[in-house]
Amino acid sequence: MTTYSTVLDALADRTRRAVLEQLRQGPRSVGELAAKLPVSQPAVSQHLRVLREAGLVEAEPEGTRRIYRVSPAGLRTLRAYVDSFWTDVFEAFKDPHPGERRLEA
């Protein structure tokens, strides 16, 4: 099961974020990804492994290569985490002084 912590750890690296940004535009092979990054193809493969383990990307075999795409499930985990902040912020906005007792009139 992917946790928000695993997802955030994976996205802490600038190259992995760049890989994910490329995959936003559509499925890509390792070679296609590496061609647009300042790192080697083996390094891109390692970054993809981390992203896959975090549940952010999926791979599908196509002949002798793998095609990578963004995984909706991993993004749902990330979105749920970020959305939880909104819930907390809105609740705090409704009650700007949580923990304080209100005096009844």
N, C-alpha and C. Protein backbone atom coordinates (compact mmCIF):
# COMPACT_ATOMS: atom_id res chain seq x y z
N MET A 1 0.83 -1.18 0.00
CA MET A 1 0.00 0.00 0.00
C MET A 1 0.88 1.25 0.00
N THR A 2 0.60 2.17 -0.88
CA THR A 2 1.35 3.41 -0.98
C THR A 2 0.84 4.40 0.06
N THR A 3 1.78 5.04 0.74
CA THR A 3 1.41 6.06 1.71
C THR A 3 1.85 7.42 1.20
N TYR A 4 1.25 8.46 1.75
CA TYR A 4 1.64 9.80 1.31
C TYR A 4 3.11 10.06 1.60
N SER A 5 3.65 9.48 2.66
CA SER A 5 5.06 9.66 3.00
C SER A 5 5.96 9.08 1.91
N THR A 6 5.62 7.89 1.41
CA THR A 6 6.39 7.26 0.34
C THR A 6 6.34 8.12 -0.91
N VAL A 7 5.17 8.64 -1.22
CA VAL A 7 4.99 9.49 -2.41
C VAL A 7 5.81 10.77 -2.26
N LEU A 8 5.73 11.43 -1.11
CA LEU A 8 6.49 12.66 -0.91
C LEU A 8 7.99 12.41 -0.96
N ASP A 9 8.44 11.30 -0.38
CA ASP A 9 9.86 10.96 -0.44
C ASP A 9 10.32 10.79 -1.88
N ALA A 10 9.50 10.13 -2.69
CA ALA A 10 9.85 9.92 -4.10
C ALA A 10 9.92 11.25 -4.84
N LEU A 11 9.04 12.16 -4.51
CA LEU A 11 9.00 13.44 -5.20
C LEU A 11 10.00 14.46 -4.66
N ALA A 12 10.72 14.10 -3.61
CA ALA A 12 11.71 15.01 -3.05
C ALA A 12 12.88 15.25 -4.00
N ASP A 13 13.08 14.34 -4.93
CA ASP A 13 14.19 14.45 -5.87
C ASP A 13 13.76 15.22 -7.12
N ARG A 14 14.55 16.20 -7.51
CA ARG A 14 14.24 17.05 -8.66
C ARG A 14 14.15 16.26 -9.96
N THR A 15 15.02 15.28 -10.15
CA THR A 15 14.98 14.49 -11.38
C THR A 15 13.71 13.65 -11.46
N ARG A 16 13.29 13.08 -10.33
CA ARG A 16 12.05 12.30 -10.34
C ARG A 16 10.85 13.18 -10.64
N ARG A 17 10.87 14.41 -10.11
CA ARG A 17 9.78 15.34 -10.45
C ARG A 17 9.79 15.66 -11.93
N ALA A 18 10.98 15.81 -12.51
CA ALA A 18 11.09 16.10 -13.95
C ALA A 18 10.58 14.91 -14.78
N VAL A 19 10.87 13.70 -14.33
CA VAL A 19 10.36 12.50 -15.02
C VAL A 19 8.84 12.49 -14.96
N LEU A 20 8.28 12.74 -13.80
CA LEU A 20 6.82 12.75 -13.64
C LEU A 20 6.19 13.84 -14.50
N GLU A 21 6.84 15.00 -14.57
CA GLU A 21 6.34 16.08 -15.42
C GLU A 21 6.29 15.64 -16.89
N GLN A 22 7.31 14.95 -17.33
CA GLN A 22 7.31 14.46 -18.71
C GLN A 22 6.17 13.47 -18.94
N LEU A 23 5.94 12.61 -17.96
CA LEU A 23 4.90 11.60 -18.10
C LEU A 23 3.50 12.21 -18.05
N ARG A 24 3.37 13.40 -17.54
CA ARG A 24 2.07 14.10 -17.57
C ARG A 24 1.60 14.29 -19.01
N GLN A 25 2.55 14.42 -19.91
CA GLN A 25 2.24 14.66 -21.32
C GLN A 25 1.90 13.39 -22.07
N GLY A 26 2.10 12.25 -21.42
CA GLY A 26 1.76 10.98 -22.04
C GLY A 26 2.81 9.93 -21.77
N PRO A 27 2.49 8.67 -22.09
CA PRO A 27 3.41 7.56 -21.84
C PRO A 27 4.72 7.73 -22.60
N ARG A 28 5.81 7.28 -21.98
CA ARG A 28 7.14 7.40 -22.57
C ARG A 28 7.99 6.18 -22.21
N SER A 29 8.96 5.89 -23.05
CA SER A 29 9.95 4.85 -22.74
C SER A 29 11.09 5.50 -21.96
N VAL A 30 11.95 4.68 -21.38
CA VAL A 30 13.10 5.19 -20.64
C VAL A 30 13.97 6.04 -21.56
N GLY A 31 14.20 5.57 -22.78
CA GLY A 31 15.02 6.31 -23.73
C GLY A 31 14.45 7.67 -24.06
N GLU A 32 13.13 7.74 -24.23
CA GLU A 32 12.48 9.03 -24.51
C GLU A 32 12.62 9.98 -23.33
N LEU A 33 12.48 9.44 -22.14
CA LEU A 33 12.62 10.26 -20.94
C LEU A 33 14.06 10.76 -20.79
N ALA A 34 15.01 9.86 -20.96
CA ALA A 34 16.42 10.21 -20.79
C ALA A 34 16.89 11.23 -21.81
N ALA A 35 16.31 11.21 -23.00
CA ALA A 35 16.72 12.15 -24.04
C ALA A 35 16.46 13.60 -23.65
N LYS A 36 15.54 13.83 -22.74
CA LYS A 36 15.19 15.20 -22.33
C LYS A 36 15.70 15.56 -20.93
N LEU A 37 16.53 14.70 -20.37
CA LEU A 37 17.04 14.95 -19.03
C LEU A 37 18.56 14.96 -19.03
N PRO A 38 19.16 15.68 -18.09
CA PRO A 38 20.63 15.73 -18.03
C PRO A 38 21.25 14.57 -17.25
N VAL A 39 20.61 13.41 -17.29
CA VAL A 39 21.13 12.21 -16.62
C VAL A 39 21.11 11.04 -17.60
N SER A 40 21.85 10.01 -17.27
CA SER A 40 21.95 8.85 -18.15
C SER A 40 20.68 8.01 -18.14
N GLN A 41 20.58 7.15 -19.13
CA GLN A 41 19.42 6.25 -19.20
C GLN A 41 19.36 5.31 -17.99
N PRO A 42 20.51 4.74 -17.55
CA PRO A 42 20.45 3.91 -16.33
C PRO A 42 19.97 4.71 -15.10
N ALA A 43 20.37 5.98 -15.02
CA ALA A 43 19.91 6.81 -13.88
C ALA A 43 18.40 7.02 -13.97
N VAL A 44 17.88 7.26 -15.17
CA VAL A 44 16.44 7.43 -15.35
C VAL A 44 15.72 6.15 -14.92
N SER A 45 16.28 5.01 -15.29
CA SER A 45 15.69 3.73 -14.89
C SER A 45 15.60 3.60 -13.38
N GLN A 46 16.64 4.04 -12.68
CA GLN A 46 16.63 3.99 -11.21
C GLN A 46 15.57 4.93 -10.64
N HIS A 47 15.45 6.10 -11.22
CA HIS A 47 14.42 7.04 -10.75
C HIS A 47 13.02 6.48 -11.01
N LEU A 48 12.84 5.85 -12.15
CA LEU A 48 11.55 5.23 -12.46
C LEU A 48 11.23 4.11 -11.48
N ARG A 49 12.24 3.38 -11.07
CA ARG A 49 12.02 2.31 -10.09
C ARG A 49 11.47 2.90 -8.79
N VAL A 50 12.06 4.00 -8.33
CA VAL A 50 11.59 4.65 -7.10
C VAL A 50 10.16 5.15 -7.28
N LEU A 51 9.89 5.78 -8.41
CA LEU A 51 8.54 6.28 -8.68
C LEU A 51 7.53 5.13 -8.76
N ARG A 52 7.95 4.01 -9.34
CA ARG A 52 7.06 2.85 -9.44
C ARG A 52 6.80 2.26 -8.06
N GLU A 53 7.83 2.15 -7.24
CA GLU A 53 7.66 1.62 -5.88
C GLU A 53 6.77 2.54 -5.03
N ALA A 54 6.79 3.83 -5.33
CA ALA A 54 5.94 4.78 -4.61
C ALA A 54 4.52 4.78 -5.17
N GLY A 55 4.29 4.06 -6.25
CA GLY A 55 2.97 3.97 -6.84
C GLY A 55 2.61 5.14 -7.75
N LEU A 56 3.60 5.95 -8.12
CA LEU A 56 3.34 7.12 -8.95
C LEU A 56 3.35 6.83 -10.45
N VAL A 57 4.07 5.78 -10.85
CA VAL A 57 4.09 5.41 -12.26
C VAL A 57 3.85 3.92 -12.40
N GLU A 58 3.39 3.53 -13.57
CA GLU A 58 3.20 2.12 -13.92
C GLU A 58 3.97 1.86 -15.19
N ALA A 59 4.36 0.62 -15.38
CA ALA A 59 5.10 0.24 -16.59
C ALA A 59 4.34 -0.87 -17.31
N GLU A 60 4.37 -0.78 -18.62
CA GLU A 60 3.73 -1.79 -19.45
C GLU A 60 4.73 -2.24 -20.51
N PRO A 61 4.96 -3.57 -20.60
CA PRO A 61 5.92 -4.03 -21.62
C PRO A 61 5.38 -3.80 -23.03
N GLU A 62 6.29 -3.36 -23.88
CA GLU A 62 5.97 -3.19 -25.30
C GLU A 62 7.18 -3.67 -26.09
N GLY A 63 7.10 -4.89 -26.54
CA GLY A 63 8.26 -5.49 -27.21
C GLY A 63 9.39 -5.67 -26.22
N THR A 64 10.56 -5.12 -26.54
CA THR A 64 11.73 -5.26 -25.66
C THR A 64 11.89 -4.10 -24.69
N ARG A 65 10.97 -3.17 -24.70
CA ARG A 65 11.07 -2.03 -23.80
C ARG A 65 9.82 -1.90 -22.94
N ARG A 66 9.89 -1.02 -21.98
CA ARG A 66 8.75 -0.74 -21.11
C ARG A 66 8.30 0.69 -21.36
N ILE A 67 7.00 0.85 -21.35
CA ILE A 67 6.42 2.17 -21.50
C ILE A 67 5.86 2.58 -20.14
N TYR A 68 6.25 3.76 -19.69
CA TYR A 68 5.85 4.26 -18.38
C TYR A 68 4.77 5.31 -18.52
N ARG A 69 3.87 5.32 -17.55
CA ARG A 69 2.80 6.32 -17.51
C ARG A 69 2.50 6.65 -16.05
N VAL A 70 1.87 7.78 -15.85
CA VAL A 70 1.48 8.20 -14.51
C VAL A 70 0.40 7.25 -14.00
N SER A 71 0.49 6.88 -12.74
CA SER A 71 -0.50 6.01 -12.11
C SER A 71 -1.52 6.84 -11.36
N PRO A 72 -2.78 6.77 -11.76
CA PRO A 72 -3.82 7.53 -11.05
C PRO A 72 -3.90 7.19 -9.56
N ALA A 73 -3.65 5.94 -9.20
CA ALA A 73 -3.74 5.54 -7.79
C ALA A 73 -2.73 6.29 -6.93
N GLY A 74 -1.51 6.44 -7.43
CA GLY A 74 -0.49 7.17 -6.69
C GLY A 74 -0.84 8.63 -6.54
N LEU A 75 -1.41 9.20 -7.59
CA LEU A 75 -1.82 10.60 -7.51
C LEU A 75 -2.99 10.79 -6.55
N ARG A 76 -3.86 9.79 -6.47
CA ARG A 76 -4.97 9.87 -5.51
C ARG A 76 -4.44 9.93 -4.09
N THR A 77 -3.40 9.16 -3.81
CA THR A 77 -2.79 9.17 -2.48
C THR A 77 -2.25 10.56 -2.17
N LEU A 78 -1.55 11.14 -3.12
CA LEU A 78 -0.99 12.47 -2.93
C LEU A 78 -2.10 13.52 -2.78
N ARG A 79 -3.10 13.41 -3.62
CA ARG A 79 -4.20 14.38 -3.56
C ARG A 79 -4.95 14.29 -2.23
N ALA A 80 -5.19 13.08 -1.75
CA ALA A 80 -5.89 12.91 -0.48
C ALA A 80 -5.11 13.57 0.65
N TYR A 81 -3.79 13.43 0.61
CA TYR A 81 -2.96 14.05 1.64
C TYR A 81 -3.07 15.58 1.58
N VAL A 82 -2.93 16.15 0.39
CA VAL A 82 -3.01 17.60 0.23
C VAL A 82 -4.42 18.09 0.58
N ASP A 83 -5.43 17.36 0.13
CA ASP A 83 -6.81 17.75 0.44
C ASP A 83 -7.07 17.76 1.95
N SER A 84 -6.40 16.90 2.69
CA SER A 84 -6.61 16.86 4.14
C SER A 84 -6.19 18.18 4.79
N PHE A 85 -5.22 18.86 4.19
CA PHE A 85 -4.83 20.18 4.70
C PHE A 85 -5.97 21.17 4.53
N TRP A 86 -6.62 21.12 3.37
CA TRP A 86 -7.73 22.04 3.12
C TRP A 86 -8.83 21.81 4.16
N THR A 87 -9.13 20.57 4.43
CA THR A 87 -10.16 20.26 5.42
C THR A 87 -9.79 20.85 6.77
N ASP A 88 -8.54 20.64 7.17
CA ASP A 88 -8.08 21.17 8.46
C ASP A 88 -8.11 22.69 8.48
N VAL A 89 -7.68 23.31 7.40
CA VAL A 89 -7.65 24.77 7.33
C VAL A 89 -9.05 25.34 7.40
N PHE A 90 -9.99 24.74 6.68
CA PHE A 90 -11.36 25.23 6.70
C PHE A 90 -12.00 25.04 8.08
N GLU A 91 -11.70 23.94 8.72
CA GLU A 91 -12.22 23.72 10.07
C GLU A 91 -11.66 24.76 11.02
N ALA A 92 -10.37 25.06 10.89
CA ALA A 92 -9.75 26.06 11.75
C ALA A 92 -10.31 27.45 11.45
N PHE A 93 -10.66 27.70 10.20
CA PHE A 93 -11.25 28.98 9.82
C PHE A 93 -12.61 29.16 10.48
N LYS A 94 -13.37 28.08 10.54
CA LYS A 94 -14.69 28.15 11.19
C LYS A 94 -14.54 28.44 12.67
N ASP A 95 -13.52 27.86 13.30
CA ASP A 95 -13.28 28.03 14.72
C ASP A 95 -11.84 28.52 14.88
N PRO A 96 -11.62 29.84 14.83
CA PRO A 96 -10.26 30.37 14.84
C PRO A 96 -9.50 30.14 16.15
N HIS A 97 -10.19 29.71 17.19
CA HIS A 97 -9.52 29.48 18.47
C HIS A 97 -9.86 28.08 18.99
N PRO A 98 -9.37 27.04 18.29
CA PRO A 98 -9.69 25.68 18.73
C PRO A 98 -9.12 25.43 20.14
N GLY A 99 -9.83 24.71 20.89
CA GLY A 99 -9.39 24.37 22.24
C GLY A 99 -9.86 25.34 23.31
N GLU A 100 -10.27 26.51 22.89
CA GLU A 100 -10.78 27.47 23.86
C GLU A 100 -12.26 27.21 24.09
N ARG A 101 -12.67 27.35 25.32
CA ARG A 101 -14.08 27.17 25.64
C ARG A 101 -14.82 28.46 25.33
N ARG A 102 -15.97 28.31 24.74
CA ARG A 102 -16.80 29.48 24.47
C ARG A 102 -17.77 29.68 25.63
N LEU A 103 -17.95 30.94 25.98
CA LEU A 103 -18.88 31.26 27.04
C LEU A 103 -20.29 31.31 26.46
N GLU A 104 -21.18 30.69 27.17
CA GLU A 104 -22.58 30.70 26.74
C GLU A 104 -23.23 31.98 27.25
N ALA A 105 -24.06 32.58 26.48
CA ALA A 105 -24.74 33.82 26.90
C ALA A 105 -25.91 33.54 27.79
